[in-house]
Amino acid sequence: QVQVVESGGVLVQPGGSLRLSCVASGSINGVYAMVWYRQAPGNQRDLVAETTTSGRTKYADSVKGRFTISAGYANHTIYLQMNSLKPEDTAVYYCKTESLAGAYWGQGTQIIVSS
């Protein structure tokens, strides 16, 4: 059984910073990427940031320069440091672990950026 758990979601003011965490536990073999997505009400789920075991990272244009993804692949953990938050960053943030056995999603953590 594989579990993916996100944490760190809160209400934060515009301009603030936040750090999300994601831990994948259980019997996972062949992890090659871990990815953050987000979904705002009424919108599709979009990729925010991705990191691979080869060291490649990718960001959505809307978060470049503000968000940073980092990973501890030894324990299947990733983080998302979010700075200069904007109201449009409000969404449920999901973590996905991609492995040779398949992809595993977490339940999401809510971020609300509002004054």
C-alpha atoms as a PDB file:
ATOM      1  CA  GLN A   1       0.000   0.000   0.000  1.00  0.00           C
ATOM      2  CA  VAL A   2       1.381   3.382  -1.047  1.00  0.00           C
ATOM      3  CA  GLN A   3       0.395   6.577   0.719  1.00  0.00           C
ATOM      4  CA  VAL A   4       1.117  10.091  -0.459  1.00  0.00           C
ATOM      5  CA  VAL A   5       0.470  12.813   2.104  1.00  0.00           C
ATOM      6  CA  GLU A   6       0.746  16.539   1.588  1.00  0.00           C
ATOM      7  CA  SER A   7       0.963  19.088   4.399  1.00  0.00           C
ATOM      8  CA  GLY A   8       1.489  22.775   4.951  1.00  0.00           C
ATOM      9  CA  GLY A   9      -1.660  24.272   3.534  1.00  0.00           C
ATOM     10  CA  VAL A  10      -2.959  27.375   5.293  1.00  0.00           C
ATOM     11  CA  LEU A  11      -4.446  30.815   4.832  1.00  0.00           C
ATOM     12  CA  VAL A  12      -1.697  33.299   3.970  1.00  0.00           C
ATOM     13  CA  GLN A  13      -1.658  36.969   3.016  1.00  0.00           C
ATOM     14  CA  PRO A  14      -0.595  38.152  -0.440  1.00  0.00           C
ATOM     15  CA  GLY A  15       3.153  38.544  -0.591  1.00  0.00           C
ATOM     16  CA  GLY A  16       3.674  35.901   2.038  1.00  0.00           C
ATOM     17  CA  SER A  17       5.625  32.661   1.914  1.00  0.00           C
ATOM     18  CA  LEU A  18       4.738  29.067   2.550  1.00  0.00           C
ATOM     19  CA  ARG A  19       6.409  25.680   2.369  1.00  0.00           C
ATOM     20  CA  LEU A  20       4.503  22.548   1.384  1.00  0.00           C
ATOM     21  CA  SER A  21       5.730  19.039   2.090  1.00  0.00           C
ATOM     22  CA  CYS A  22       4.868  15.727   0.525  1.00  0.00           C
ATOM     23  CA  VAL A  23       5.869  12.296   1.733  1.00  0.00           C
ATOM     24  CA  ALA A  24       5.291   9.068  -0.164  1.00  0.00           C
ATOM     25  CA  SER A  25       5.432   5.954   1.983  1.00  0.00           C
ATOM     26  CA  GLY A  26       4.915   2.262   1.489  1.00  0.00           C
ATOM     27  CA  SER A  27       6.298  -0.141  -1.009  1.00  0.00           C
ATOM     28  CA  ILE A  28       7.406   2.089  -3.853  1.00  0.00           C
ATOM     29  CA  ASN A  29      10.026   1.008  -6.306  1.00  0.00           C
ATOM     30  CA  GLY A  30      11.516   2.873  -9.183  1.00  0.00           C
ATOM     31  CA  VAL A  31      10.454   6.407  -8.320  1.00  0.00           C
ATOM     32  CA  TYR A  32      11.653   8.670 -11.109  1.00  0.00           C
ATOM     33  CA  ALA A  33       9.734  11.898 -10.560  1.00  0.00           C
ATOM     34  CA  MET A  34       7.678  13.765  -7.997  1.00  0.00           C
ATOM     35  CA  VAL A  35       5.347  16.522  -9.074  1.00  0.00           C
ATOM     36  CA  TRP A  36       3.217  19.284  -7.559  1.00  0.00           C
ATOM     37  CA  TYR A  37      -0.107  20.123  -9.192  1.00  0.00           C
ATOM     38  CA  ARG A  38      -2.822  22.549  -8.188  1.00  0.00           C
ATOM     39  CA  GLN A  39      -6.490  22.903  -8.877  1.00  0.00           C
ATOM     40  CA  ALA A  40      -8.519  26.020  -8.281  1.00  0.00           C
ATOM     41  CA  PRO A  41     -12.340  25.841  -8.061  1.00  0.00           C
ATOM     42  CA  GLY A  42     -13.829  25.352 -11.503  1.00  0.00           C
ATOM     43  CA  ASN A  43     -10.447  24.813 -13.121  1.00  0.00           C
ATOM     44  CA  GLN A  44      -8.515  21.806 -14.299  1.00  0.00           C
ATOM     45  CA  ARG A  45      -5.606  20.378 -12.359  1.00  0.00           C
ATOM     46  CA  ASP A  46      -2.405  21.988 -13.610  1.00  0.00           C
ATOM     47  CA  LEU A  47       1.241  21.185 -13.145  1.00  0.00           C
ATOM     48  CA  VAL A  48       3.050  23.589 -10.823  1.00  0.00           C
ATOM     49  CA  ALA A  49       6.521  22.093 -10.474  1.00  0.00           C
ATOM     50  CA  GLU A  50       8.262  18.823 -11.189  1.00  0.00           C
ATOM     51  CA  THR A  51      11.525  17.242 -10.113  1.00  0.00           C
ATOM     52  CA  THR A  52      13.104  14.058 -11.407  1.00  0.00           C
ATOM     53  CA  THR A  53      15.746  11.724 -10.017  1.00  0.00           C
ATOM     54  CA  SER A  54      18.019  12.849 -12.842  1.00  0.00           C
ATOM     55  CA  GLY A  55      17.975  16.331 -11.352  1.00  0.00           C
ATOM     56  CA  ARG A  56      15.702  17.967 -13.887  1.00  0.00           C
ATOM     57  CA  THR A  57      13.159  20.504 -12.665  1.00  0.00           C
ATOM     58  CA  LYS A  58      10.285  22.148 -14.470  1.00  0.00           C
ATOM     59  CA  TYR A  59       7.957  24.975 -13.448  1.00  0.00           C
ATOM     60  CA  ALA A  60       4.758  26.472 -14.695  1.00  0.00           C
ATOM     61  CA  ASP A  61       5.375  29.918 -16.159  1.00  0.00           C
ATOM     62  CA  SER A  62       3.060  31.441 -13.569  1.00  0.00           C
ATOM     63  CA  VAL A  63       5.301  30.368 -10.674  1.00  0.00           C
ATOM     64  CA  LYS A  64       8.788  30.695 -12.144  1.00  0.00           C
ATOM     65  CA  GLY A  65      11.017  32.797  -9.931  1.00  0.00           C
ATOM     66  CA  ARG A  66       8.608  32.514  -6.992  1.00  0.00           C
ATOM     67  CA  PHE A  67       8.343  28.778  -6.274  1.00  0.00           C
ATOM     68  CA  THR A  68      11.154  26.293  -5.728  1.00  0.00           C
ATOM     69  CA  ILE A  69      10.803  22.523  -5.693  1.00  0.00           C
ATOM     70  CA  SER A  70      13.280  20.334  -3.852  1.00  0.00           C
ATOM     71  CA  ALA A  71      13.431  16.641  -3.133  1.00  0.00           C
ATOM     72  CA  GLY A  72      14.847  14.071  -0.790  1.00  0.00           C
ATOM     73  CA  TYR A  73      14.527  10.968  -2.895  1.00  0.00           C
ATOM     74  CA  ALA A  74      16.075   8.773  -0.231  1.00  0.00           C
ATOM     75  CA  ASN A  75      12.841   9.092   1.733  1.00  0.00           C
ATOM     76  CA  HIS A  76      10.489  10.003  -1.126  1.00  0.00           C
ATOM     77  CA  THR A  77       9.915  13.517   0.133  1.00  0.00           C
ATOM     78  CA  ILE A  78       9.466  16.717  -1.812  1.00  0.00           C
ATOM     79  CA  TYR A  79       8.946  20.305  -0.800  1.00  0.00           C
ATOM     80  CA  LEU A  80       7.537  23.352  -2.498  1.00  0.00           C
ATOM     81  CA  GLN A  81       8.829  26.683  -1.240  1.00  0.00           C
ATOM     82  CA  MET A  82       6.369  29.344  -2.310  1.00  0.00           C
ATOM     83  CA  ASN A  83       7.315  33.025  -2.065  1.00  0.00           C
ATOM     84  CA  SER A  84       5.562  36.218  -3.107  1.00  0.00           C
ATOM     85  CA  LEU A  85       2.222  34.472  -3.006  1.00  0.00           C
ATOM     86  CA  LYS A  86      -0.652  35.945  -4.984  1.00  0.00           C
ATOM     87  CA  PRO A  87      -4.414  35.480  -4.668  1.00  0.00           C
ATOM     88  CA  GLU A  88      -4.337  33.532  -7.934  1.00  0.00           C
ATOM     89  CA  ASP A  89      -2.163  30.925  -6.205  1.00  0.00           C
ATOM     90  CA  THR A  90      -5.232  29.931  -4.200  1.00  0.00           C
ATOM     91  CA  ALA A  91      -5.939  26.276  -4.931  1.00  0.00           C
ATOM     92  CA  VAL A  92      -5.744  22.755  -3.623  1.00  0.00           C
ATOM     93  CA  TYR A  93      -2.175  21.554  -4.102  1.00  0.00           C
ATOM     94  CA  TYR A  94      -1.616  17.911  -4.926  1.00  0.00           C
ATOM     95  CA  CYS A  95       1.508  15.795  -4.921  1.00  0.00           C
ATOM     96  CA  LYS A  96       2.054  12.988  -7.413  1.00  0.00           C
ATOM     97  CA  THR A  97       4.741  10.343  -7.191  1.00  0.00           C
ATOM     98  CA  GLU A  98       5.653   8.724 -10.502  1.00  0.00           C
ATOM     99  CA  SER A  99       7.266   5.315 -10.437  1.00  0.00           C
ATOM    100  CA  LEU A 100       7.832   2.343 -12.673  1.00  0.00           C
ATOM    101  CA  ALA A 101       4.837   0.722 -10.954  1.00  0.00           C
ATOM    102  CA  GLY A 102       2.543   3.655 -11.624  1.00  0.00           C
ATOM    103  CA  ALA A 103       1.567   7.082 -10.347  1.00  0.00           C
ATOM    104  CA  TYR A 104       0.286   7.820  -6.854  1.00  0.00           C
ATOM    105  CA  TRP A 105      -1.645  10.912  -5.805  1.00  0.00           C
ATOM    106  CA  GLY A 106      -2.132  12.523  -2.453  1.00  0.00           C
ATOM    107  CA  GLN A 107      -5.408  13.953  -1.193  1.00  0.00           C
ATOM    108  CA  GLY A 108      -4.275  17.542  -1.504  1.00  0.00           C
ATOM    109  CA  THR A 109      -3.693  20.475   0.815  1.00  0.00           C
ATOM    110  CA  GLN A 110      -5.578  23.770   0.582  1.00  0.00           C
ATOM    111  CA  ILE A 111      -3.786  27.088   0.104  1.00  0.00           C
ATOM    112  CA  ILE A 112      -5.773  30.298   0.390  1.00  0.00           C
ATOM    113  CA  VAL A 113      -4.017  33.547  -0.398  1.00  0.00           C
ATOM    114  CA  SER A 114      -6.139  36.399   0.833  1.00  0.00           C
ATOM    115  CA  SER A 115      -5.956  39.543   2.900  1.00  0.00           C
END
